[in-house]
Amino acid sequence: MEWISVKDRLPEDNVNVLIKHESDTGPAVAPLIWIAFFNSDFNKWTTYWFDLSKVTHWMPLPEAPKIEKCSQV
């Protein structure tokens, strides 16, 4: 999967995606990566805790890993 610029395209409304967020306090040592969703009704990115204003890129969440069943001996 590749990162998608928010300038090129936004994800579907209210679908969780990975986002790259710029720090409000200057460049971060590591990129700030969150799980968030875009709401076009309010034209903003949000998590379940707070809104994010400086989202630069996003990508779909990867599929969950397949879990093998453990056999009892």
N, C-alpha and C. Protein backbone atom coordinates (compact mmCIF):
# COMPACT_ATOMS: atom_id res chain seq x y z
N MET A 1 0.84 -1.19 0.00
CA MET A 1 0.00 0.00 0.00
C MET A 1 0.88 1.24 0.00
N GLU A 2 0.38 2.27 -0.61
CA GLU A 2 1.11 3.53 -0.70
C GLU A 2 0.33 4.63 0.02
N TRP A 3 1.06 5.61 0.54
CA TRP A 3 0.43 6.77 1.16
C TRP A 3 -0.21 7.62 0.08
N ILE A 4 -1.39 8.18 0.36
CA ILE A 4 -2.14 9.03 -0.57
C ILE A 4 -2.19 10.43 0.01
N SER A 5 -1.79 11.42 -0.76
CA SER A 5 -1.84 12.81 -0.31
C SER A 5 -3.29 13.27 -0.20
N VAL A 6 -3.61 14.03 0.86
CA VAL A 6 -4.96 14.57 0.99
C VAL A 6 -5.25 15.59 -0.10
N LYS A 7 -4.20 16.09 -0.76
CA LYS A 7 -4.38 17.01 -1.87
C LYS A 7 -4.89 16.26 -3.11
N ASP A 8 -4.57 14.96 -3.20
CA ASP A 8 -4.97 14.16 -4.35
C ASP A 8 -6.35 13.54 -4.18
N ARG A 9 -6.63 13.05 -2.96
CA ARG A 9 -7.88 12.33 -2.76
C ARG A 9 -8.12 12.13 -1.27
N LEU A 10 -9.40 12.11 -0.87
CA LEU A 10 -9.77 11.83 0.51
C LEU A 10 -10.42 10.45 0.58
N PRO A 11 -10.36 9.80 1.74
CA PRO A 11 -11.00 8.48 1.85
C PRO A 11 -12.52 8.62 1.93
N GLU A 12 -13.21 7.49 1.89
CA GLU A 12 -14.65 7.50 2.08
C GLU A 12 -14.96 8.06 3.47
N ASP A 13 -16.12 8.68 3.61
CA ASP A 13 -16.53 9.25 4.89
C ASP A 13 -16.61 8.19 5.99
N ASN A 14 -16.13 8.56 7.17
CA ASN A 14 -16.30 7.78 8.39
C ASN A 14 -15.76 6.36 8.31
N VAL A 15 -14.69 6.17 7.52
CA VAL A 15 -14.01 4.89 7.43
C VAL A 15 -12.62 5.06 8.04
N ASN A 16 -12.28 4.24 9.01
CA ASN A 16 -10.96 4.34 9.64
C ASN A 16 -9.85 4.07 8.65
N VAL A 17 -8.83 4.92 8.67
CA VAL A 17 -7.64 4.78 7.82
C VAL A 17 -6.43 5.18 8.65
N LEU A 18 -5.23 4.85 8.18
CA LEU A 18 -4.01 5.36 8.79
C LEU A 18 -3.77 6.76 8.25
N ILE A 19 -3.35 7.67 9.10
CA ILE A 19 -3.06 9.03 8.64
C ILE A 19 -1.68 9.46 9.11
N LYS A 20 -1.05 10.34 8.35
CA LYS A 20 0.20 11.01 8.71
C LYS A 20 -0.19 12.42 9.10
N HIS A 21 0.17 12.81 10.33
CA HIS A 21 -0.23 14.10 10.89
C HIS A 21 1.01 14.91 11.22
N GLU A 22 1.03 16.17 10.83
CA GLU A 22 2.14 17.07 11.17
C GLU A 22 1.96 17.56 12.60
N SER A 23 3.05 17.65 13.31
CA SER A 23 3.04 18.12 14.70
C SER A 23 2.73 19.62 14.75
N ASP A 24 1.97 20.03 15.75
CA ASP A 24 1.68 21.46 15.96
C ASP A 24 2.87 22.18 16.58
N THR A 25 3.85 21.43 17.07
CA THR A 25 4.98 22.04 17.77
C THR A 25 6.27 21.94 16.97
N GLY A 26 6.18 21.79 15.67
CA GLY A 26 7.38 21.69 14.84
C GLY A 26 7.60 20.26 14.37
N PRO A 27 8.67 20.03 13.65
CA PRO A 27 8.92 18.70 13.11
C PRO A 27 9.08 17.67 14.24
N ALA A 28 8.42 16.56 14.08
CA ALA A 28 8.52 15.48 15.07
C ALA A 28 9.74 14.63 14.75
N VAL A 29 10.27 13.98 15.77
CA VAL A 29 11.40 13.08 15.57
C VAL A 29 10.97 11.92 14.68
N ALA A 30 9.79 11.40 14.91
CA ALA A 30 9.22 10.33 14.09
C ALA A 30 7.88 10.83 13.54
N PRO A 31 7.46 10.34 12.40
CA PRO A 31 6.16 10.76 11.87
C PRO A 31 5.05 10.41 12.85
N LEU A 32 4.06 11.26 12.95
CA LEU A 32 2.91 10.99 13.80
C LEU A 32 1.89 10.23 12.97
N ILE A 33 1.70 8.96 13.30
CA ILE A 33 0.77 8.11 12.56
C ILE A 33 -0.39 7.78 13.50
N TRP A 34 -1.62 7.96 13.02
CA TRP A 34 -2.82 7.73 13.81
C TRP A 34 -3.80 6.89 13.01
N ILE A 35 -4.77 6.32 13.70
CA ILE A 35 -5.96 5.78 13.04
C ILE A 35 -7.03 6.83 13.23
N ALA A 36 -7.61 7.28 12.14
CA ALA A 36 -8.62 8.34 12.19
C ALA A 36 -9.58 8.16 11.03
N PHE A 37 -10.56 9.04 10.94
CA PHE A 37 -11.48 9.04 9.81
C PHE A 37 -11.81 10.47 9.41
N PHE A 38 -12.22 10.63 8.15
CA PHE A 38 -12.58 11.95 7.61
C PHE A 38 -14.09 12.06 7.60
N ASN A 39 -14.61 13.21 8.02
CA ASN A 39 -16.05 13.47 7.99
C ASN A 39 -16.29 14.67 7.09
N SER A 40 -16.83 14.43 5.90
CA SER A 40 -17.01 15.52 4.93
C SER A 40 -18.13 16.48 5.34
N ASP A 41 -19.07 16.05 6.18
CA ASP A 41 -20.11 16.96 6.64
C ASP A 41 -19.50 18.14 7.41
N PHE A 42 -18.42 17.86 8.14
CA PHE A 42 -17.74 18.90 8.93
C PHE A 42 -16.39 19.28 8.34
N ASN A 43 -16.01 18.62 7.23
CA ASN A 43 -14.74 18.86 6.55
C ASN A 43 -13.55 18.78 7.52
N LYS A 44 -13.51 17.68 8.30
CA LYS A 44 -12.40 17.52 9.23
C LYS A 44 -12.07 16.06 9.48
N TRP A 45 -10.81 15.86 9.89
CA TRP A 45 -10.30 14.56 10.31
C TRP A 45 -10.52 14.43 11.80
N THR A 46 -10.84 13.23 12.26
CA THR A 46 -11.05 13.04 13.69
C THR A 46 -10.69 11.61 14.11
N THR A 47 -10.31 11.47 15.36
CA THR A 47 -10.20 10.16 16.00
C THR A 47 -11.41 10.09 16.92
N TYR A 48 -11.47 9.10 17.73
CA TYR A 48 -12.58 9.03 18.69
C TYR A 48 -12.33 9.93 19.88
N TRP A 49 -11.13 10.54 19.97
CA TRP A 49 -10.79 11.38 21.11
C TRP A 49 -10.68 12.85 20.76
N PHE A 50 -10.16 13.19 19.58
CA PHE A 50 -9.98 14.60 19.24
C PHE A 50 -9.85 14.78 17.74
N ASP A 51 -9.97 16.05 17.31
CA ASP A 51 -9.87 16.40 15.90
C ASP A 51 -8.41 16.68 15.53
N LEU A 52 -8.08 16.42 14.27
CA LEU A 52 -6.72 16.65 13.77
C LEU A 52 -6.79 17.65 12.62
N SER A 53 -5.92 18.65 12.64
CA SER A 53 -6.01 19.70 11.63
C SER A 53 -4.93 19.64 10.56
N LYS A 54 -3.84 18.91 10.79
CA LYS A 54 -2.72 18.95 9.86
C LYS A 54 -2.42 17.58 9.26
N VAL A 55 -3.44 16.92 8.76
CA VAL A 55 -3.26 15.62 8.11
C VAL A 55 -2.71 15.86 6.71
N THR A 56 -1.64 15.15 6.36
CA THR A 56 -1.02 15.33 5.04
C THR A 56 -1.24 14.13 4.11
N HIS A 57 -1.31 12.92 4.68
CA HIS A 57 -1.43 11.70 3.88
C HIS A 57 -2.29 10.67 4.61
N TRP A 58 -2.81 9.71 3.87
CA TRP A 58 -3.59 8.63 4.46
C TRP A 58 -3.40 7.36 3.62
N MET A 59 -3.79 6.23 4.21
CA MET A 59 -3.81 4.96 3.48
C MET A 59 -4.82 4.04 4.16
N PRO A 60 -5.41 3.11 3.39
CA PRO A 60 -6.36 2.17 4.00
C PRO A 60 -5.66 1.32 5.06
N LEU A 61 -6.42 0.88 6.04
CA LEU A 61 -5.88 -0.03 7.04
C LEU A 61 -5.58 -1.37 6.37
N PRO A 62 -4.50 -2.04 6.78
CA PRO A 62 -4.23 -3.36 6.23
C PRO A 62 -5.24 -4.37 6.77
N GLU A 63 -5.34 -5.51 6.10
CA GLU A 63 -6.21 -6.57 6.59
C GLU A 63 -5.64 -7.12 7.89
N ALA A 64 -6.52 -7.56 8.77
CA ALA A 64 -6.08 -8.17 10.03
C ALA A 64 -5.39 -9.49 9.73
N PRO A 65 -4.41 -9.87 10.56
CA PRO A 65 -3.74 -11.15 10.32
C PRO A 65 -4.67 -12.32 10.58
N LYS A 66 -4.41 -13.39 9.88
CA LYS A 66 -5.19 -14.60 10.09
C LYS A 66 -4.60 -15.32 11.30
N ILE A 67 -5.45 -15.76 12.19
CA ILE A 67 -5.02 -16.42 13.41
C ILE A 67 -5.28 -17.92 13.26
N GLU A 68 -4.22 -18.70 13.46
CA GLU A 68 -4.38 -20.15 13.39
C GLU A 68 -4.95 -20.66 14.70
N LYS A 69 -5.82 -21.65 14.58
CA LYS A 69 -6.39 -22.25 15.78
C LYS A 69 -5.34 -23.14 16.43
N CYS A 70 -5.25 -23.09 17.73
CA CYS A 70 -4.32 -23.95 18.47
C CYS A 70 -5.00 -25.28 18.74
N SER A 71 -4.27 -26.35 18.55
CA SER A 71 -4.85 -27.66 18.84
C SER A 71 -4.40 -28.10 20.23
N GLN A 72 -5.32 -28.65 20.97
CA GLN A 72 -5.01 -29.14 22.32
C GLN A 72 -4.49 -30.56 22.20
N VAL A 73 -3.46 -30.89 22.96
CA VAL A 73 -2.89 -32.24 22.91
C VAL A 73 -3.40 -33.06 24.05
